[in-house]
Amino acid sequence: MTITEKKDPFDFSEWSNLADTDPQAFEDKRVAVIESVIQAMPDAKQERMRRLQWRIDQERRLAKSPMAACIRLSDMMWENVLGRNGLLDNLRNLDPLRNKHPEALNKADILNFPVRH
């Protein structure tokens, strides 16, 4: 099974009810689901994902409220998209012409082909 496939659809009401009635069971289930997703990844990516999850957990722990945690995680996500060496930088680096000097883009070798009659 891949990460994008789901055994069962996500039931928000079930998770919400569990969080309200048994916060420890909710947390245990949350950790188990995250771990199962990480374990489903290729071995080469698992350590990186565990490190990322550790950072997410620390941001949540340091936040003073759930909304503050949400904002901290949103900021972290945007930093990884727009920040130095983020997604946007890496997408820009995919264009090989962008990495050349502008003057090199205006030059070309002209080939002479014999004229056919």
C-alpha atoms as a PDB file:
ATOM      1  CA  MET A   1       0.000   0.000   0.000  1.00  0.00           C
ATOM      2  CA  THR A   2       1.315   3.454  -0.858  1.00  0.00           C
ATOM      3  CA  ILE A   3       1.101   6.536   1.307  1.00  0.00           C
ATOM      4  CA  THR A   4      -1.646   8.015  -0.841  1.00  0.00           C
ATOM      5  CA  GLU A   5      -3.829   4.926  -0.544  1.00  0.00           C
ATOM      6  CA  LYS A   6      -6.080   4.679   2.470  1.00  0.00           C
ATOM      7  CA  LYS A   7      -7.427   1.582   4.162  1.00  0.00           C
ATOM      8  CA  ASP A   8     -10.394   3.549   5.474  1.00  0.00           C
ATOM      9  CA  PRO A   9     -11.507   7.093   4.814  1.00  0.00           C
ATOM     10  CA  PHE A  10     -10.463   9.630   7.439  1.00  0.00           C
ATOM     11  CA  ASP A  11     -13.307  10.118   9.896  1.00  0.00           C
ATOM     12  CA  PHE A  12     -12.968  13.614  11.342  1.00  0.00           C
ATOM     13  CA  SER A  13     -15.877  13.101  13.762  1.00  0.00           C
ATOM     14  CA  GLU A  14     -14.266   9.991  15.191  1.00  0.00           C
ATOM     15  CA  TRP A  15     -10.927  11.747  15.706  1.00  0.00           C
ATOM     16  CA  SER A  16     -12.594  14.839  17.160  1.00  0.00           C
ATOM     17  CA  ASN A  17     -14.678  12.760  19.555  1.00  0.00           C
ATOM     18  CA  LEU A  18     -11.601  10.812  20.652  1.00  0.00           C
ATOM     19  CA  ALA A  19      -9.685  14.054  21.285  1.00  0.00           C
ATOM     20  CA  ASP A  20     -12.575  15.380  23.389  1.00  0.00           C
ATOM     21  CA  THR A  21     -13.250  12.213  25.382  1.00  0.00           C
ATOM     22  CA  ASP A  22      -9.806  10.613  25.724  1.00  0.00           C
ATOM     23  CA  PRO A  23      -6.905  12.938  24.842  1.00  0.00           C
ATOM     24  CA  GLN A  24      -4.294  10.274  25.674  1.00  0.00           C
ATOM     25  CA  ALA A  25      -5.932   7.711  23.382  1.00  0.00           C
ATOM     26  CA  PHE A  26      -6.099  10.391  20.677  1.00  0.00           C
ATOM     27  CA  GLU A  27      -2.385  11.125  21.092  1.00  0.00           C
ATOM     28  CA  ASP A  28      -1.502   7.408  21.076  1.00  0.00           C
ATOM     29  CA  LYS A  29      -3.510   6.886  17.890  1.00  0.00           C
ATOM     30  CA  ARG A  30      -1.992   9.997  16.266  1.00  0.00           C
ATOM     31  CA  VAL A  31       1.535   8.758  16.978  1.00  0.00           C
ATOM     32  CA  ALA A  32       0.676   5.262  15.694  1.00  0.00           C
ATOM     33  CA  VAL A  33      -0.759   6.597  12.429  1.00  0.00           C
ATOM     34  CA  ILE A  34       2.259   8.863  11.861  1.00  0.00           C
ATOM     35  CA  GLU A  35       4.618   5.962  12.555  1.00  0.00           C
ATOM     36  CA  SER A  36       2.731   3.698  10.141  1.00  0.00           C
ATOM     37  CA  VAL A  37       3.018   6.339   7.400  1.00  0.00           C
ATOM     38  CA  ILE A  38       6.755   6.714   8.044  1.00  0.00           C
ATOM     39  CA  GLN A  39       7.268   2.943   8.041  1.00  0.00           C
ATOM     40  CA  ALA A  40       5.481   2.702   4.688  1.00  0.00           C
ATOM     41  CA  MET A  41       8.098   4.996   3.148  1.00  0.00           C
ATOM     42  CA  PRO A  42      11.298   3.756   1.529  1.00  0.00           C
ATOM     43  CA  ASP A  43      14.031   3.097   4.093  1.00  0.00           C
ATOM     44  CA  ALA A  44      16.164   5.921   2.693  1.00  0.00           C
ATOM     45  CA  LYS A  45      13.475   8.504   3.579  1.00  0.00           C
ATOM     46  CA  GLN A  46      12.411   7.240   6.994  1.00  0.00           C
ATOM     47  CA  GLU A  47      15.154   8.903   9.046  1.00  0.00           C
ATOM     48  CA  ARG A  48      14.514  12.275   7.400  1.00  0.00           C
ATOM     49  CA  MET A  49      10.776  11.948   8.055  1.00  0.00           C
ATOM     50  CA  ARG A  50      11.363  11.018  11.711  1.00  0.00           C
ATOM     51  CA  ARG A  51      13.544  14.104  12.097  1.00  0.00           C
ATOM     52  CA  LEU A  52      10.864  16.248  10.487  1.00  0.00           C
ATOM     53  CA  GLN A  53       8.201  14.755  12.752  1.00  0.00           C
ATOM     54  CA  TRP A  54      10.412  15.411  15.787  1.00  0.00           C
ATOM     55  CA  ARG A  55      10.672  19.063  14.740  1.00  0.00           C
ATOM     56  CA  ILE A  56       6.909  19.276  14.241  1.00  0.00           C
ATOM     57  CA  ASP A  57       6.345  17.763  17.685  1.00  0.00           C
ATOM     58  CA  GLN A  58       8.745  20.288  19.245  1.00  0.00           C
ATOM     59  CA  GLU A  59       6.973  23.200  17.569  1.00  0.00           C
ATOM     60  CA  ARG A  60       3.650  21.886  18.888  1.00  0.00           C
ATOM     61  CA  ARG A  61       5.131  21.420  22.369  1.00  0.00           C
ATOM     62  CA  LEU A  62       6.528  24.961  22.471  1.00  0.00           C
ATOM     63  CA  ALA A  63       3.287  26.587  21.318  1.00  0.00           C
ATOM     64  CA  LYS A  64       1.028  28.072  23.978  1.00  0.00           C
ATOM     65  CA  SER A  65      -2.193  26.939  22.288  1.00  0.00           C
ATOM     66  CA  PRO A  66      -3.379  24.727  19.435  1.00  0.00           C
ATOM     67  CA  MET A  67      -3.853  27.834  17.262  1.00  0.00           C
ATOM     68  CA  ALA A  68      -0.316  28.996  18.051  1.00  0.00           C
ATOM     69  CA  ALA A  69       0.929  25.522  17.074  1.00  0.00           C
ATOM     70  CA  CYS A  70      -0.970  25.759  13.802  1.00  0.00           C
ATOM     71  CA  ILE A  71       0.589  29.141  13.050  1.00  0.00           C
ATOM     72  CA  ARG A  72       4.085  27.882  13.935  1.00  0.00           C
ATOM     73  CA  LEU A  73       3.675  24.870  11.640  1.00  0.00           C
ATOM     74  CA  SER A  74       2.275  27.032   8.849  1.00  0.00           C
ATOM     75  CA  ASP A  75       5.279  29.366   9.163  1.00  0.00           C
ATOM     76  CA  MET A  76       7.611  26.369   9.089  1.00  0.00           C
ATOM     77  CA  MET A  77       5.919  25.068   5.938  1.00  0.00           C
ATOM     78  CA  TRP A  78       6.115  28.423   4.155  1.00  0.00           C
ATOM     79  CA  GLU A  79       9.785  28.763   5.102  1.00  0.00           C
ATOM     80  CA  ASN A  80      10.404  25.420   3.390  1.00  0.00           C
ATOM     81  CA  VAL A  81       8.593  26.637   0.290  1.00  0.00           C
ATOM     82  CA  LEU A  82       9.847  30.217   0.005  1.00  0.00           C
ATOM     83  CA  GLY A  83      13.003  30.276   2.153  1.00  0.00           C
ATOM     84  CA  ARG A  84      16.636  29.828   1.177  1.00  0.00           C
ATOM     85  CA  ASN A  85      17.108  26.480  -0.591  1.00  0.00           C
ATOM     86  CA  GLY A  86      13.360  25.903  -0.334  1.00  0.00           C
ATOM     87  CA  LEU A  87      11.009  24.428  -2.896  1.00  0.00           C
ATOM     88  CA  LEU A  88      10.868  27.599  -4.984  1.00  0.00           C
ATOM     89  CA  ASP A  89      14.672  27.880  -5.167  1.00  0.00           C
ATOM     90  CA  ASN A  90      14.946  24.239  -6.178  1.00  0.00           C
ATOM     91  CA  LEU A  91      12.283  24.597  -8.859  1.00  0.00           C
ATOM     92  CA  ARG A  92      14.108  27.602 -10.263  1.00  0.00           C
ATOM     93  CA  ASN A  93      17.345  25.599 -10.357  1.00  0.00           C
ATOM     94  CA  LEU A  94      15.708  23.006 -12.598  1.00  0.00           C
ATOM     95  CA  ASP A  95      15.947  25.478 -15.496  1.00  0.00           C
ATOM     96  CA  PRO A  96      19.527  25.074 -16.773  1.00  0.00           C
ATOM     97  CA  LEU A  97      19.407  28.342 -18.763  1.00  0.00           C
ATOM     98  CA  ARG A  98      18.619  30.298 -15.611  1.00  0.00           C
ATOM     99  CA  ASN A  99      22.000  29.334 -14.142  1.00  0.00           C
ATOM    100  CA  LYS A 100      23.993  30.715 -17.086  1.00  0.00           C
ATOM    101  CA  HIS A 101      25.178  34.279 -17.491  1.00  0.00           C
ATOM    102  CA  PRO A 102      22.655  36.415 -19.393  1.00  0.00           C
ATOM    103  CA  GLU A 103      25.214  37.257 -22.077  1.00  0.00           C
ATOM    104  CA  ALA A 104      25.656  33.555 -22.797  1.00  0.00           C
ATOM    105  CA  LEU A 105      21.958  33.279 -23.591  1.00  0.00           C
ATOM    106  CA  ASN A 106      22.299  35.781 -26.470  1.00  0.00           C
ATOM    107  CA  LYS A 107      25.102  33.930 -28.263  1.00  0.00           C
ATOM    108  CA  ALA A 108      24.871  30.913 -30.512  1.00  0.00           C
ATOM    109  CA  ASP A 109      27.119  29.043 -32.892  1.00  0.00           C
ATOM    110  CA  ILE A 110      25.969  29.479 -36.487  1.00  0.00           C
ATOM    111  CA  LEU A 111      26.370  26.420 -38.640  1.00  0.00           C
ATOM    112  CA  ASN A 112      26.902  26.680 -42.375  1.00  0.00           C
ATOM    113  CA  PHE A 113      25.007  24.109 -44.378  1.00  0.00           C
ATOM    114  CA  PRO A 114      25.677  23.585 -48.052  1.00  0.00           C
ATOM    115  CA  VAL A 115      22.967  24.874 -50.345  1.00  0.00           C
ATOM    116  CA  ARG A 116      21.141  22.163 -52.285  1.00  0.00           C
ATOM    117  CA  HIS A 117      19.843  22.807 -55.791  1.00  0.00           C
END
